[in-house]
Amino acid sequence: MSVLVSILITFLVVILVLWLVNRLPLDGRTKQIAQVVVIIIGIISLLRYLAVF
């Protein structure tokens, strides 16, 4: 059960950070790079919770 809660919290944090990145006054290319970095970090975090790493 705790793994499921951790995955849910990670998913919500990634969504929140992506929303905050969209709110920043950045140009399109920089915003896209920031979004990709956040998604990659989120996927790695989720894989750690699933004991893949």
N, C-alpha and C. Protein backbone atom coordinates (compact mmCIF):
# COMPACT_ATOMS: atom_id res chain seq x y z
N MET A 1 0.82 -1.20 0.00
CA MET A 1 0.00 0.00 0.00
C MET A 1 0.86 1.27 0.00
N SER A 2 1.98 1.23 0.73
CA SER A 2 2.82 2.42 0.79
C SER A 2 3.48 2.71 -0.56
N VAL A 3 3.75 1.68 -1.35
CA VAL A 3 4.33 1.89 -2.68
C VAL A 3 3.33 2.61 -3.56
N LEU A 4 2.07 2.24 -3.46
CA LEU A 4 1.03 2.89 -4.25
C LEU A 4 0.89 4.36 -3.87
N VAL A 5 0.96 4.66 -2.60
CA VAL A 5 0.88 6.05 -2.14
C VAL A 5 2.09 6.83 -2.63
N SER A 6 3.26 6.23 -2.57
CA SER A 6 4.48 6.90 -3.05
C SER A 6 4.41 7.18 -4.54
N ILE A 7 3.90 6.23 -5.31
CA ILE A 7 3.74 6.44 -6.75
C ILE A 7 2.75 7.57 -7.02
N LEU A 8 1.66 7.60 -6.29
CA LEU A 8 0.66 8.65 -6.47
C LEU A 8 1.23 10.02 -6.12
N ILE A 9 1.97 10.11 -5.04
CA ILE A 9 2.57 11.38 -4.65
C ILE A 9 3.59 11.84 -5.69
N THR A 10 4.40 10.91 -6.19
CA THR A 10 5.38 11.26 -7.23
C THR A 10 4.67 11.76 -8.49
N PHE A 11 3.61 11.09 -8.88
CA PHE A 11 2.85 11.50 -10.06
C PHE A 11 2.28 12.91 -9.87
N LEU A 12 1.73 13.19 -8.69
CA LEU A 12 1.16 14.51 -8.43
C LEU A 12 2.24 15.59 -8.40
N VAL A 13 3.41 15.28 -7.85
CA VAL A 13 4.50 16.25 -7.82
C VAL A 13 4.99 16.56 -9.24
N VAL A 14 5.09 15.54 -10.08
CA VAL A 14 5.52 15.76 -11.47
C VAL A 14 4.51 16.66 -12.20
N ILE A 15 3.23 16.41 -12.00
CA ILE A 15 2.20 17.24 -12.63
C ILE A 15 2.29 18.67 -12.12
N LEU A 16 2.49 18.85 -10.82
CA LEU A 16 2.60 20.19 -10.26
C LEU A 16 3.81 20.94 -10.81
N VAL A 17 4.95 20.26 -10.90
CA VAL A 17 6.16 20.90 -11.42
C VAL A 17 5.99 21.24 -12.90
N LEU A 18 5.35 20.36 -13.68
CA LEU A 18 5.10 20.67 -15.08
C LEU A 18 4.19 21.89 -15.22
N TRP A 19 3.20 22.00 -14.35
CA TRP A 19 2.31 23.16 -14.39
C TRP A 19 3.09 24.42 -14.04
N LEU A 20 3.98 24.33 -13.05
CA LEU A 20 4.78 25.50 -12.68
C LEU A 20 5.75 25.89 -13.78
N VAL A 21 6.31 24.92 -14.49
CA VAL A 21 7.21 25.22 -15.60
C VAL A 21 6.43 25.95 -16.69
N ASN A 22 5.19 25.55 -16.94
CA ASN A 22 4.38 26.24 -17.95
C ASN A 22 4.07 27.67 -17.55
N ARG A 23 4.03 27.95 -16.25
CA ARG A 23 3.74 29.30 -15.77
C ARG A 23 4.95 30.23 -15.86
N LEU A 24 6.15 29.68 -15.97
CA LEU A 24 7.36 30.50 -16.02
C LEU A 24 7.44 31.26 -17.35
N PRO A 25 7.96 32.48 -17.29
CA PRO A 25 8.12 33.27 -18.52
C PRO A 25 9.39 32.88 -19.28
N LEU A 26 9.39 31.71 -19.88
CA LEU A 26 10.53 31.23 -20.64
C LEU A 26 10.15 31.13 -22.11
N ASP A 27 11.17 31.10 -22.97
CA ASP A 27 10.87 30.88 -24.38
C ASP A 27 10.52 29.41 -24.60
N GLY A 28 10.00 29.10 -25.75
CA GLY A 28 9.46 27.78 -26.03
C GLY A 28 10.47 26.66 -25.92
N ARG A 29 11.67 26.87 -26.43
CA ARG A 29 12.70 25.82 -26.43
C ARG A 29 13.13 25.49 -25.00
N THR A 30 13.36 26.51 -24.17
CA THR A 30 13.79 26.30 -22.79
C THR A 30 12.69 25.62 -21.99
N LYS A 31 11.45 26.01 -22.23
CA LYS A 31 10.33 25.42 -21.53
C LYS A 31 10.19 23.94 -21.89
N GLN A 32 10.40 23.61 -23.16
CA GLN A 32 10.31 22.23 -23.61
C GLN A 32 11.42 21.38 -22.99
N ILE A 33 12.63 21.92 -22.91
CA ILE A 33 13.74 21.20 -22.28
C ILE A 33 13.45 20.96 -20.81
N ALA A 34 12.92 21.96 -20.11
CA ALA A 34 12.59 21.81 -18.69
C ALA A 34 11.51 20.75 -18.50
N GLN A 35 10.52 20.72 -19.38
CA GLN A 35 9.46 19.72 -19.28
C GLN A 35 10.01 18.31 -19.48
N VAL A 36 10.90 18.14 -20.44
CA VAL A 36 11.49 16.83 -20.69
C VAL A 36 12.32 16.37 -19.50
N VAL A 37 13.08 17.28 -18.90
CA VAL A 37 13.89 16.94 -17.74
C VAL A 37 13.01 16.51 -16.57
N VAL A 38 11.92 17.23 -16.34
CA VAL A 38 11.00 16.89 -15.25
C VAL A 38 10.36 15.52 -15.50
N ILE A 39 9.97 15.24 -16.72
CA ILE A 39 9.35 13.95 -17.04
C ILE A 39 10.35 12.81 -16.86
N ILE A 40 11.59 13.01 -17.29
CA ILE A 40 12.61 11.97 -17.14
C ILE A 40 12.88 11.70 -15.66
N ILE A 41 13.01 12.75 -14.87
CA ILE A 41 13.22 12.56 -13.43
C ILE A 41 12.04 11.85 -12.79
N GLY A 42 10.83 12.20 -13.21
CA GLY A 42 9.64 11.53 -12.69
C GLY A 42 9.60 10.06 -13.05
N ILE A 43 9.96 9.72 -14.28
CA ILE A 43 9.96 8.31 -14.70
C ILE A 43 11.02 7.53 -13.92
N ILE A 44 12.20 8.11 -13.74
CA ILE A 44 13.25 7.43 -12.97
C ILE A 44 12.80 7.22 -11.53
N SER A 45 12.15 8.22 -10.96
CA SER A 45 11.65 8.08 -9.59
C SER A 45 10.59 6.98 -9.49
N LEU A 46 9.69 6.93 -10.45
CA LEU A 46 8.67 5.89 -10.44
C LEU A 46 9.30 4.50 -10.60
N LEU A 47 10.30 4.38 -11.44
CA LEU A 47 10.98 3.10 -11.61
C LEU A 47 11.70 2.67 -10.34
N ARG A 48 12.21 3.63 -9.59
CA ARG A 48 12.86 3.29 -8.32
C ARG A 48 11.84 2.75 -7.33
N TYR A 49 10.63 3.34 -7.30
CA TYR A 49 9.59 2.84 -6.40
C TYR A 49 9.13 1.43 -6.80
N LEU A 50 9.20 1.12 -8.07
CA LEU A 50 8.80 -0.21 -8.53
C LEU A 50 9.94 -1.21 -8.47
N ALA A 51 11.07 -0.79 -7.89
CA ALA A 51 12.25 -1.63 -7.66
C ALA A 51 12.85 -2.16 -8.96
N VAL A 52 12.82 -1.35 -10.00
CA VAL A 52 13.47 -1.71 -11.25
C VAL A 52 14.97 -1.42 -11.13
N PHE A 53 15.30 -0.34 -10.43
CA PHE A 53 16.72 0.02 -10.22
C PHE A 53 17.16 -0.49 -8.87
